[in-house]
PDB file of all heavy atoms in Angstrom:
ATOM      1  N   ALA A   1     148.918  93.096 -84.016  1.00  0.00           N
ATOM      2  CA  ALA A   1     148.679  91.873 -84.719  1.00  0.00           C
ATOM      3  C   ALA A   1     149.730  91.544 -85.780  1.00  0.00           C
ATOM      4  O   ALA A   1     150.144  90.435 -85.937  1.00  0.00           O
ATOM      5  CB  ALA A   1     147.277  91.930 -85.332  1.00  0.00           C
ATOM      6  N   ALA A   2     150.180  92.644 -86.455  1.00  0.00           N
ATOM      7  CA  ALA A   2     151.228  92.471 -87.456  1.00  0.00           C
ATOM      8  C   ALA A   2     152.546  91.960 -86.803  1.00  0.00           C
ATOM      9  O   ALA A   2     153.384  91.339 -87.542  1.00  0.00           O
ATOM     10  CB  ALA A   2     151.469  93.746 -88.131  1.00  0.00           C
ATOM     11  N   ARG A   3     152.790  92.245 -85.568  1.00  0.00           N
ATOM     12  CA  ARG A   3     153.923  91.742 -84.861  1.00  0.00           C
ATOM     13  C   ARG A   3     153.747  90.476 -84.156  1.00  0.00           C
ATOM     14  O   ARG A   3     154.624  89.997 -83.372  1.00  0.00           O
ATOM     15  CB  ARG A   3     154.453  92.849 -83.835  1.00  0.00           C
ATOM     16  CG  ARG A   3     154.857  94.168 -84.508  1.00  0.00           C
ATOM     17  CD  ARG A   3     155.602  95.049 -83.497  1.00  0.00           C
ATOM     18  NE  ARG A   3     155.728  96.378 -83.957  1.00  0.00           N
ATOM     19  CZ  ARG A   3     156.476  97.314 -83.378  1.00  0.00           C
ATOM     20  NH1 ARG A   3     157.167  97.018 -82.300  1.00  0.00           N
ATOM     21  NH2 ARG A   3     156.544  98.528 -83.804  1.00  0.00           N
ATOM     22  N   GLY A   4     152.601  89.850 -84.391  1.00  0.00           N
ATOM     23  CA  GLY A   4     152.360  88.464 -83.846  1.00  0.00           C
ATOM     24  C   GLY A   4     151.688  88.428 -82.496  1.00  0.00           C
ATOM     25  O   GLY A   4     151.557  87.371 -81.965  1.00  0.00           O
ATOM     26  N   ALA A   5     151.254  89.538 -81.956  1.00  0.00           N
ATOM     27  CA  ALA A   5     150.547  89.570 -80.667  1.00  0.00           C
ATOM     28  C   ALA A   5     149.113  89.113 -80.748  1.00  0.00           C
ATOM     29  O   ALA A   5     148.469  89.277 -81.779  1.00  0.00           O
ATOM     30  CB  ALA A   5     150.672  91.001 -80.034  1.00  0.00           C
ATOM     31  N   GLN A   6     148.588  88.635 -79.699  1.00  0.00           N
ATOM     32  CA  GLN A   6     147.151  88.257 -79.613  1.00  0.00           C
ATOM     33  C   GLN A   6     146.437  89.486 -79.159  1.00  0.00           C
ATOM     34  O   GLN A   6     146.820  90.081 -78.141  1.00  0.00           O
ATOM     35  CB  GLN A   6     146.969  87.056 -78.653  1.00  0.00           C
ATOM     36  CG  GLN A   6     147.429  85.755 -79.182  1.00  0.00           C
ATOM     37  CD  GLN A   6     147.030  84.591 -78.334  1.00  0.00           C
ATOM     38  OE1 GLN A   6     147.257  84.623 -77.116  1.00  0.00           O
ATOM     39  NE2 GLN A   6     146.324  83.637 -78.878  1.00  0.00           N
ATOM     40  N   VAL A   7     145.362  89.777 -79.798  1.00  0.00           N
ATOM     41  CA  VAL A   7     144.661  91.103 -79.591  1.00  0.00           C
ATOM     42  C   VAL A   7     143.192  90.860 -79.614  1.00  0.00           C
ATOM     43  O   VAL A   7     142.668  89.993 -80.402  1.00  0.00           O
ATOM     44  CB  VAL A   7     145.035  92.107 -80.690  1.00  0.00           C
ATOM     45  CG1 VAL A   7     144.285  93.436 -80.490  1.00  0.00           C
ATOM     46  CG2 VAL A   7     146.538  92.345 -80.681  1.00  0.00           C
ATOM     47  N   GLN A   8     142.424  91.598 -78.780  1.00  0.00           N
ATOM     48  CA  GLN A   8     140.970  91.694 -78.951  1.00  0.00           C
ATOM     49  C   GLN A   8     140.599  93.156 -78.783  1.00  0.00           C
ATOM     50  O   GLN A   8     141.275  93.930 -78.105  1.00  0.00           O
ATOM     51  CB  GLN A   8     140.239  90.792 -77.959  1.00  0.00           C
ATOM     52  CG  GLN A   8     140.590  91.136 -76.491  1.00  0.00           C
ATOM     53  CD  GLN A   8     139.862  90.143 -75.503  1.00  0.00           C
ATOM     54  OE1 GLN A   8     138.857  89.478 -75.958  1.00  0.00           O
ATOM     55  NE2 GLN A   8     140.276  90.083 -74.306  1.00  0.00           N
ATOM     56  N   VAL A   9     139.490  93.610 -79.380  1.00  0.00           N
ATOM     57  CA  VAL A   9     139.091  94.987 -79.438  1.00  0.00           C
ATOM     58  C   VAL A   9     137.678  95.076 -78.887  1.00  0.00           C
ATOM     59  O   VAL A   9     136.776  94.334 -79.301  1.00  0.00           O
ATOM     60  CB  VAL A   9     139.181  95.536 -80.797  1.00  0.00           C
ATOM     61  CG1 VAL A   9     138.750  97.089 -80.818  1.00  0.00           C
ATOM     62  CG2 VAL A   9     140.602  95.471 -81.384  1.00  0.00           C
ATOM     63  N   PHE A  10     137.472  96.055 -77.989  1.00  0.00           N
ATOM     64  CA  PHE A  10     136.146  96.295 -77.417  1.00  0.00           C
ATOM     65  C   PHE A  10     135.738  97.699 -77.753  1.00  0.00           C
ATOM     66  O   PHE A  10     136.476  98.734 -77.559  1.00  0.00           O
ATOM     67  CB  PHE A  10     136.264  96.215 -75.856  1.00  0.00           C
ATOM     68  CG  PHE A  10     136.490  94.846 -75.352  1.00  0.00           C
ATOM     69  CD1 PHE A  10     137.804  94.361 -75.217  1.00  0.00           C
ATOM     70  CD2 PHE A  10     135.443  93.979 -75.010  1.00  0.00           C
ATOM     71  CE1 PHE A  10     138.075  93.031 -74.715  1.00  0.00           C
ATOM     72  CE2 PHE A  10     135.684  92.707 -74.523  1.00  0.00           C
ATOM     73  CZ  PHE A  10     136.960  92.229 -74.406  1.00  0.00           C
ATOM     74  N   ASP A  11     134.451  97.863 -78.310  1.00  0.00           N
ATOM     75  CA  ASP A  11     133.846  99.135 -78.553  1.00  0.00           C
ATOM     76  C   ASP A  11     132.347  98.973 -78.513  1.00  0.00           C
ATOM     77  O   ASP A  11     131.834  98.238 -79.322  1.00  0.00           O
ATOM     78  CB  ASP A  11     134.311  99.722 -79.892  1.00  0.00           C
ATOM     79  CG  ASP A  11     133.957 101.153 -80.030  1.00  0.00           C
ATOM     80  OD1 ASP A  11     132.785 101.606 -79.605  1.00  0.00           O
ATOM     81  OD2 ASP A  11     134.767 101.939 -80.512  1.00  0.00           O
ATOM     82  N   PRO A  12     131.685  99.598 -77.555  1.00  0.00           N
ATOM     83  CA  PRO A  12     130.226  99.425 -77.384  1.00  0.00           C
ATOM     84  C   PRO A  12     129.465  99.836 -78.704  1.00  0.00           C
ATOM     85  O   PRO A  12     128.376  99.319 -78.985  1.00  0.00           O
ATOM     86  CB  PRO A  12     129.886 100.318 -76.211  1.00  0.00           C
ATOM     87  CG  PRO A  12     131.113 100.441 -75.488  1.00  0.00           C
ATOM     88  CD  PRO A  12     132.229 100.426 -76.426  1.00  0.00           C
ATOM     89  N   ALA A  13     130.038 100.694 -79.473  1.00  0.00           N
ATOM     90  CA  ALA A  13     129.415 101.129 -80.683  1.00  0.00           C
ATOM     91  C   ALA A  13     129.536 100.194 -81.872  1.00  0.00           C
ATOM     92  O   ALA A  13     128.935 100.349 -82.895  1.00  0.00           O
ATOM     93  CB  ALA A  13     129.924 102.525 -81.108  1.00  0.00           C
ATOM     94  N   GLY A  14     130.397  99.198 -81.743  1.00  0.00           N
ATOM     95  CA  GLY A  14     130.612  98.198 -82.800  1.00  0.00           C
ATOM     96  C   GLY A  14     131.499  98.708 -83.900  1.00  0.00           C
ATOM     97  O   GLY A  14     132.525  99.301 -83.616  1.00  0.00           O
ATOM     98  N   ARG A  15     131.037  98.451 -85.092  1.00  0.00           N
ATOM     99  CA  ARG A  15     131.933  98.732 -86.257  1.00  0.00           C
ATOM    100  C   ARG A  15     132.076 100.269 -86.391  1.00  0.00           C
ATOM    101  O   ARG A  15     131.299 101.061 -85.884  1.00  0.00           O
ATOM    102  CB  ARG A  15     131.279  98.222 -87.540  1.00  0.00           C
ATOM    103  CG  ARG A  15     131.108  96.713 -87.539  1.00  0.00           C
ATOM    104  CD  ARG A  15     130.525  96.215 -88.837  1.00  0.00           C
ATOM    105  NE  ARG A  15     131.345  96.527 -90.003  1.00  0.00           N
ATOM    106  CZ  ARG A  15     132.282  95.674 -90.406  1.00  0.00           C
ATOM    107  NH1 ARG A  15     132.592  94.579 -89.795  1.00  0.00           N
ATOM    108  NH2 ARG A  15     133.019  96.053 -91.428  1.00  0.00           N
ATOM    109  N   PRO A  16     133.121 100.718 -87.081  1.00  0.00           N
ATOM    110  CA  PRO A  16     133.330 102.196 -87.309  1.00  0.00           C
ATOM    111  C   PRO A  16     132.131 102.778 -87.979  1.00  0.00           C
ATOM    112  O   PRO A  16     131.452 102.205 -88.840  1.00  0.00           O
ATOM    113  CB  PRO A  16     134.548 102.200 -88.261  1.00  0.00           C
ATOM    114  CG  PRO A  16     135.282 100.925 -87.996  1.00  0.00           C
ATOM    115  CD  PRO A  16     134.255  99.896 -87.746  1.00  0.00           C
ATOM    116  N   GLY A  17     131.819 104.039 -87.562  1.00  0.00           N
ATOM    117  CA  GLY A  17     130.687 104.734 -88.095  1.00  0.00           C
ATOM    118  C   GLY A  17     130.648 106.202 -87.648  1.00  0.00           C
ATOM    119  O   GLY A  17     131.659 106.658 -87.170  1.00  0.00           O
ATOM    120  N   ARG A  18     129.483 106.779 -87.781  1.00  0.00           N
ATOM    121  CA  ARG A  18     129.304 108.220 -87.478  1.00  0.00           C
ATOM    122  C   ARG A  18     129.699 108.624 -86.043  1.00  0.00           C
ATOM    123  O   ARG A  18     129.911 109.803 -85.770  1.00  0.00           O
ATOM    124  CB  ARG A  18     127.880 108.675 -87.888  1.00  0.00           C
ATOM    125  CG  ARG A  18     127.519 108.474 -89.254  1.00  0.00           C
ATOM    126  CD  ARG A  18     125.978 108.712 -89.473  1.00  0.00           C
ATOM    127  NE  ARG A  18     125.699 110.152 -89.166  1.00  0.00           N
ATOM    128  CZ  ARG A  18     125.710 111.089 -90.024  1.00  0.00           C
ATOM    129  NH1 ARG A  18     126.063 110.871 -91.310  1.00  0.00           N
ATOM    130  NH2 ARG A  18     125.381 112.375 -89.701  1.00  0.00           N
ATOM    131  N   HIS A  19     129.626 107.596 -85.184  1.00  0.00           N
ATOM    132  CA  HIS A  19     129.908 107.931 -83.691  1.00  0.00           C
ATOM    133  C   HIS A  19     131.360 108.173 -83.489  1.00  0.00           C
ATOM    134  O   HIS A  19     131.682 108.778 -82.450  1.00  0.00           O
ATOM    135  CB  HIS A  19     129.501 106.702 -82.942  1.00  0.00           C
ATOM    136  CG  HIS A  19     130.141 105.402 -83.407  1.00  0.00           C
ATOM    137  ND1 HIS A  19     129.594 104.683 -84.332  1.00  0.00           N
ATOM    138  CD2 HIS A  19     131.323 104.803 -82.972  1.00  0.00           C
ATOM    139  CE1 HIS A  19     130.465 103.601 -84.546  1.00  0.00           C
ATOM    140  NE2 HIS A  19     131.413 103.684 -83.767  1.00  0.00           N
ATOM    141  N   ALA A  20     132.218 107.818 -84.420  1.00  0.00           N
ATOM    142  CA  ALA A  20     133.752 107.917 -84.222  1.00  0.00           C
ATOM    143  C   ALA A  20     134.223 109.273 -84.789  1.00  0.00           C
ATOM    144  O   ALA A  20     133.877 109.681 -85.897  1.00  0.00           O
ATOM    145  CB  ALA A  20     134.449 106.756 -84.986  1.00  0.00           C
ATOM    146  N   CYS A  21     134.974 109.958 -84.010  1.00  0.00           N
ATOM    147  CA  CYS A  21     135.668 111.212 -84.448  1.00  0.00           C
ATOM    148  C   CYS A  21     136.415 110.993 -85.747  1.00  0.00           C
ATOM    149  O   CYS A  21     136.341 111.853 -86.602  1.00  0.00           O
ATOM    150  CB  CYS A  21     136.559 111.720 -83.341  1.00  0.00           C
ATOM    151  SG  CYS A  21     137.482 113.175 -83.752  1.00  0.00           S
ATOM    152  N   SER A  22     137.125 109.892 -85.929  1.00  0.00           N
ATOM    153  CA  SER A  22     137.873 109.670 -87.096  1.00  0.00           C
ATOM    154  C   SER A  22     137.050 109.423 -88.303  1.00  0.00           C
ATOM    155  O   SER A  22     137.570 109.505 -89.457  1.00  0.00           O
ATOM    156  CB  SER A  22     138.886 108.448 -86.870  1.00  0.00           C
ATOM    157  OG  SER A  22     138.231 107.390 -86.176  1.00  0.00           O
ATOM    158  N   TRP A  23     135.716 109.150 -88.139  1.00  0.00           N
ATOM    159  CA  TRP A  23     134.827 108.982 -89.260  1.00  0.00           C
ATOM    160  C   TRP A  23     134.748 110.303 -90.072  1.00  0.00           C
ATOM    161  O   TRP A  23     134.447 110.372 -91.296  1.00  0.00           O
ATOM    162  CB  TRP A  23     133.469 108.589 -88.772  1.00  0.00           C
ATOM    163  CG  TRP A  23     132.459 108.075 -89.805  1.00  0.00           C
ATOM    164  CD1 TRP A  23     131.387 108.773 -90.243  1.00  0.00           C
ATOM    165  CD2 TRP A  23     132.454 106.869 -90.493  1.00  0.00           C
ATOM    166  NE1 TRP A  23     130.698 107.980 -91.219  1.00  0.00           N
ATOM    167  CE2 TRP A  23     131.342 106.859 -91.314  1.00  0.00           C
ATOM    168  CE3 TRP A  23     133.273 105.757 -90.455  1.00  0.00           C
ATOM    169  CZ2 TRP A  23     131.002 105.750 -92.092  1.00  0.00           C
ATOM    170  CZ3 TRP A  23     133.018 104.609 -91.192  1.00  0.00           C
ATOM    171  CH2 TRP A  23     131.835 104.628 -92.054  1.00  0.00           C
ATOM    172  N   TRP A  24     134.985 111.425 -89.390  1.00  0.00           N
ATOM    173  CA  TRP A  24     134.786 112.776 -89.960  1.00  0.00           C
ATOM    174  C   TRP A  24     136.129 113.413 -90.325  1.00  0.00           C
ATOM    175  O   TRP A  24     136.182 114.668 -90.600  1.00  0.00           O
ATOM    176  CB  TRP A  24     133.988 113.653 -88.979  1.00  0.00           C
ATOM    177  CG  TRP A  24     132.698 113.091 -88.554  1.00  0.00           C
ATOM    178  CD1 TRP A  24     132.379 112.468 -87.357  1.00  0.00           C
ATOM    179  CD2 TRP A  24     131.520 113.090 -89.339  1.00  0.00           C
ATOM    180  NE1 TRP A  24     131.095 112.101 -87.419  1.00  0.00           N
ATOM    181  CE2 TRP A  24     130.536 112.448 -88.567  1.00  0.00           C
ATOM    182  CE3 TRP A  24     131.201 113.579 -90.621  1.00  0.00           C
ATOM    183  CZ2 TRP A  24     129.189 112.302 -89.093  1.00  0.00           C
ATOM    184  CZ3 TRP A  24     129.891 113.374 -91.110  1.00  0.00           C
ATOM    185  CH2 TRP A  24     128.920 112.735 -90.309  1.00  0.00           C
ATOM    186  N   ALA A  25     137.164 112.707 -90.396  1.00  0.00           N
ATOM    187  CA  ALA A  25     138.497 113.249 -90.679  1.00  0.00           C
ATOM    188  C   ALA A  25     138.674 113.540 -92.192  1.00  0.00           C
ATOM    189  O   ALA A  25     137.923 113.011 -93.060  1.00  0.00           O
ATOM    190  CB  ALA A  25     139.565 112.271 -90.201  1.00  0.00           C
ATOM    191  N   GLY A  26     139.681 114.319 -92.455  1.00  0.00           N
ATOM    192  CA  GLY A  26     140.013 114.638 -93.828  1.00  0.00           C
ATOM    193  C   GLY A  26     140.802 113.542 -94.496  1.00  0.00           C
ATOM    194  O   GLY A  26     140.779 113.335 -95.709  1.00  0.00           O
ATOM    195  N   GLY A  27     141.573 112.779 -93.618  1.00  0.00           N
ATOM    196  CA  GLY A  27     142.418 111.730 -94.217  1.00  0.00           C
ATOM    197  C   GLY A  27     143.657 112.187 -94.965  1.00  0.00           C
ATOM    198  O   GLY A  27     144.230 111.453 -95.793  1.00  0.00           O
ATOM    199  N   MET A  28     144.120 113.377 -94.758  1.00  0.00           N
ATOM    200  CA  MET A  28     145.262 113.922 -95.441  1.00  0.00           C
ATOM    201  C   MET A  28     146.560 113.395 -94.746  1.00  0.00           C
ATOM    202  O   MET A  28     146.681 113.652 -93.500  1.00  0.00           O
ATOM    203  CB  MET A  28     145.262 115.460 -95.491  1.00  0.00           C
ATOM    204  CG  MET A  28     144.045 115.970 -96.359  1.00  0.00           C
ATOM    205  SD  MET A  28     144.045 117.784 -96.388  1.00  0.00           S
ATOM    206  CE  MET A  28     143.618 118.141 -94.699  1.00  0.00           C
ATOM    207  N   LEU A  29     147.427 112.828 -95.471  1.00  0.00           N
ATOM    208  CA  LEU A  29     148.751 112.403 -94.995  1.00  0.00           C
ATOM    209  C   LEU A  29     149.739 113.444 -95.474  1.00  0.00           C
ATOM    210  O   LEU A  29     150.450 113.285 -96.428  1.00  0.00           O
ATOM    211  CB  LEU A  29     149.080 111.024 -95.498  1.00  0.00           C
ATOM    212  CG  LEU A  29     148.004 109.986 -95.225  1.00  0.00           C
ATOM    213  CD1 LEU A  29     148.351 108.597 -95.839  1.00  0.00           C
ATOM    214  CD2 LEU A  29     147.687 109.854 -93.707  1.00  0.00           C
ATOM    215  N   ALA A  30     149.703 114.624 -94.730  1.00  0.00           N
ATOM    216  CA  ALA A  30     150.370 115.787 -95.232  1.00  0.00           C
ATOM    217  C   ALA A  30     151.294 116.410 -94.204  1.00  0.00           C
ATOM    218  O   ALA A  30     151.021 117.488 -93.646  1.00  0.00           O
ATOM    219  CB  ALA A  30     149.281 116.864 -95.642  1.00  0.00           C
ATOM    220  N   PRO A  31     152.397 115.768 -93.899  1.00  0.00           N
ATOM    221  CA  PRO A  31     153.245 116.180 -92.800  1.00  0.00           C
ATOM    222  C   PRO A  31     153.910 117.554 -93.101  1.00  0.00           C
ATOM    223  O   PRO A  31     154.090 118.356 -92.165  1.00  0.00           O
ATOM    224  CB  PRO A  31     154.321 115.138 -92.737  1.00  0.00           C
ATOM    225  CG  PRO A  31     154.334 114.419 -94.041  1.00  0.00           C
ATOM    226  CD  PRO A  31     152.913 114.508 -94.516  1.00  0.00           C
ATOM    227  N   TYR A  32     154.196 117.857 -94.309  1.00  0.00           N
ATOM    228  CA  TYR A  32     154.900 119.097 -94.651  1.00  0.00           C
ATOM    229  C   TYR A  32     153.897 120.272 -94.474  1.00  0.00           C
ATOM    230  O   TYR A  32     154.280 121.322 -93.909  1.00  0.00           O
ATOM    231  CB  TYR A  32     155.446 119.060 -96.021  1.00  0.00           C
ATOM    232  CG  TYR A  32     156.545 118.071 -96.246  1.00  0.00           C
ATOM    233  CD1 TYR A  32     156.314 116.833 -96.821  1.00  0.00           C
ATOM    234  CD2 TYR A  32     157.809 118.367 -95.821  1.00  0.00           C
ATOM    235  CE1 TYR A  32     157.337 115.902 -96.936  1.00  0.00           C
ATOM    236  CE2 TYR A  32     158.900 117.487 -95.961  1.00  0.00           C
ATOM    237  CZ  TYR A  32     158.640 116.232 -96.526  1.00  0.00           C
ATOM    238  OH  TYR A  32     159.632 115.315 -96.662  1.00  0.00           O
ATOM    239  N   CYS A  33     152.692 120.083 -94.928  1.00  0.00           N
ATOM    240  CA  CYS A  33     151.713 121.155 -94.773  1.00  0.00           C
ATOM    241  C   CYS A  33     151.337 121.354 -93.287  1.00  0.00           C
ATOM    242  O   CYS A  33     151.256 122.523 -92.848  1.00  0.00           O
ATOM    243  CB  CYS A  33     150.406 120.880 -95.544  1.00  0.00           C
ATOM    244  SG  CYS A  33     150.576 121.072 -97.362  1.00  0.00           S
ATOM    245  N   GLU A  34     151.171 120.274 -92.589  1.00  0.00           N
ATOM    246  CA  GLU A  34     150.859 120.399 -91.186  1.00  0.00           C
ATOM    247  C   GLU A  34     151.954 121.096 -90.361  1.00  0.00           C
ATOM    248  O   GLU A  34     151.674 121.747 -89.372  1.00  0.00           O
ATOM    249  CB  GLU A  34     150.569 119.025 -90.531  1.00  0.00           C
ATOM    250  CG  GLU A  34     149.216 118.434 -91.063  1.00  0.00           C
ATOM    251  CD  GLU A  34     148.031 119.243 -90.718  1.00  0.00           C
ATOM    252  OE1 GLU A  34     147.900 119.589 -89.492  1.00  0.00           O
ATOM    253  OE2 GLU A  34     147.222 119.556 -91.553  1.00  0.00           O
ATOM    254  N   PHE A  35     153.161 120.938 -90.795  1.00  0.00           N
ATOM    255  CA  PHE A  35     154.337 121.552 -90.141  1.00  0.00           C
ATOM    256  C   PHE A  35     154.220 123.079 -90.080  1.00  0.00           C
ATOM    257  O   PHE A  35     154.868 123.693 -89.238  1.00  0.00           O
ATOM    258  CB  PHE A  35     155.617 121.122 -90.770  1.00  0.00           C
ATOM    259  CG  PHE A  35     156.883 121.559 -90.071  1.00  0.00           C
ATOM    260  CD1 PHE A  35     156.993 121.359 -88.727  1.00  0.00           C
ATOM    261  CD2 PHE A  35     157.882 122.198 -90.750  1.00  0.00           C
ATOM    262  CE1 PHE A  35     158.145 121.791 -88.061  1.00  0.00           C
ATOM    263  CE2 PHE A  35     159.023 122.605 -90.144  1.00  0.00           C
ATOM    264  CZ  PHE A  35     159.183 122.396 -88.756  1.00  0.00           C
ATOM    265  N   GLU A  36     153.387 123.629 -90.917  1.00  0.00           N
ATOM    266  CA  GLU A  36     153.245 125.106 -90.905  1.00  0.00           C
ATOM    267  C   GLU A  36     152.809 125.675 -89.588  1.00  0.00           C
ATOM    268  O   GLU A  36     153.243 126.716 -89.144  1.00  0.00           O
ATOM    269  CB  GLU A  36     152.218 125.566 -92.032  1.00  0.00           C
ATOM    270  CG  GLU A  36     152.100 127.039 -92.239  1.00  0.00           C
ATOM    271  CD  GLU A  36     150.968 127.722 -91.421  1.00  0.00           C
ATOM    272  OE1 GLU A  36     150.137 126.955 -91.040  1.00  0.00           O
ATOM    273  OE2 GLU A  36     151.068 128.922 -91.212  1.00  0.00           O
ATOM    274  N   ASN A  37     152.017 124.889 -88.845  1.00  0.00           N
ATOM    275  CA  ASN A  37     151.591 125.375 -87.488  1.00  0.00           C
ATOM    276  C   ASN A  37     151.566 124.259 -86.477  1.00  0.00           C
ATOM    277  O   ASN A  37     150.770 124.249 -85.595  1.00  0.00           O
ATOM    278  CB  ASN A  37     150.168 126.036 -87.542  1.00  0.00           C
ATOM    279  CG  ASN A  37     149.070 125.120 -88.068  1.00  0.00           C
ATOM    280  OD1 ASN A  37     149.400 123.927 -88.310  1.00  0.00           O
ATOM    281  ND2 ASN A  37     147.891 125.601 -88.107  1.00  0.00           N
ATOM    282  N   ALA A  38     152.495 123.294 -86.655  1.00  0.00           N
ATOM    283  CA  ALA A  38     152.544 122.137 -85.724  1.00  0.00           C
ATOM    284  C   ALA A  38     153.998 121.955 -85.233  1.00  0.00           C
ATOM    285  O   ALA A  38     154.935 122.589 -85.770  1.00  0.00           O
ATOM    286  CB  ALA A  38     152.045 120.836 -86.438  1.00  0.00           C
TER     287      ALA A  38
END
């Protein structure tokens, strides 16, 4: 969308919530720490 494309999104579960794996994430933007074993 930021690049001007037309987009639509489908998800039977609707809005983000407990059903999504990413709902339970830590949210750390830590590339240097992750590099220890990545």
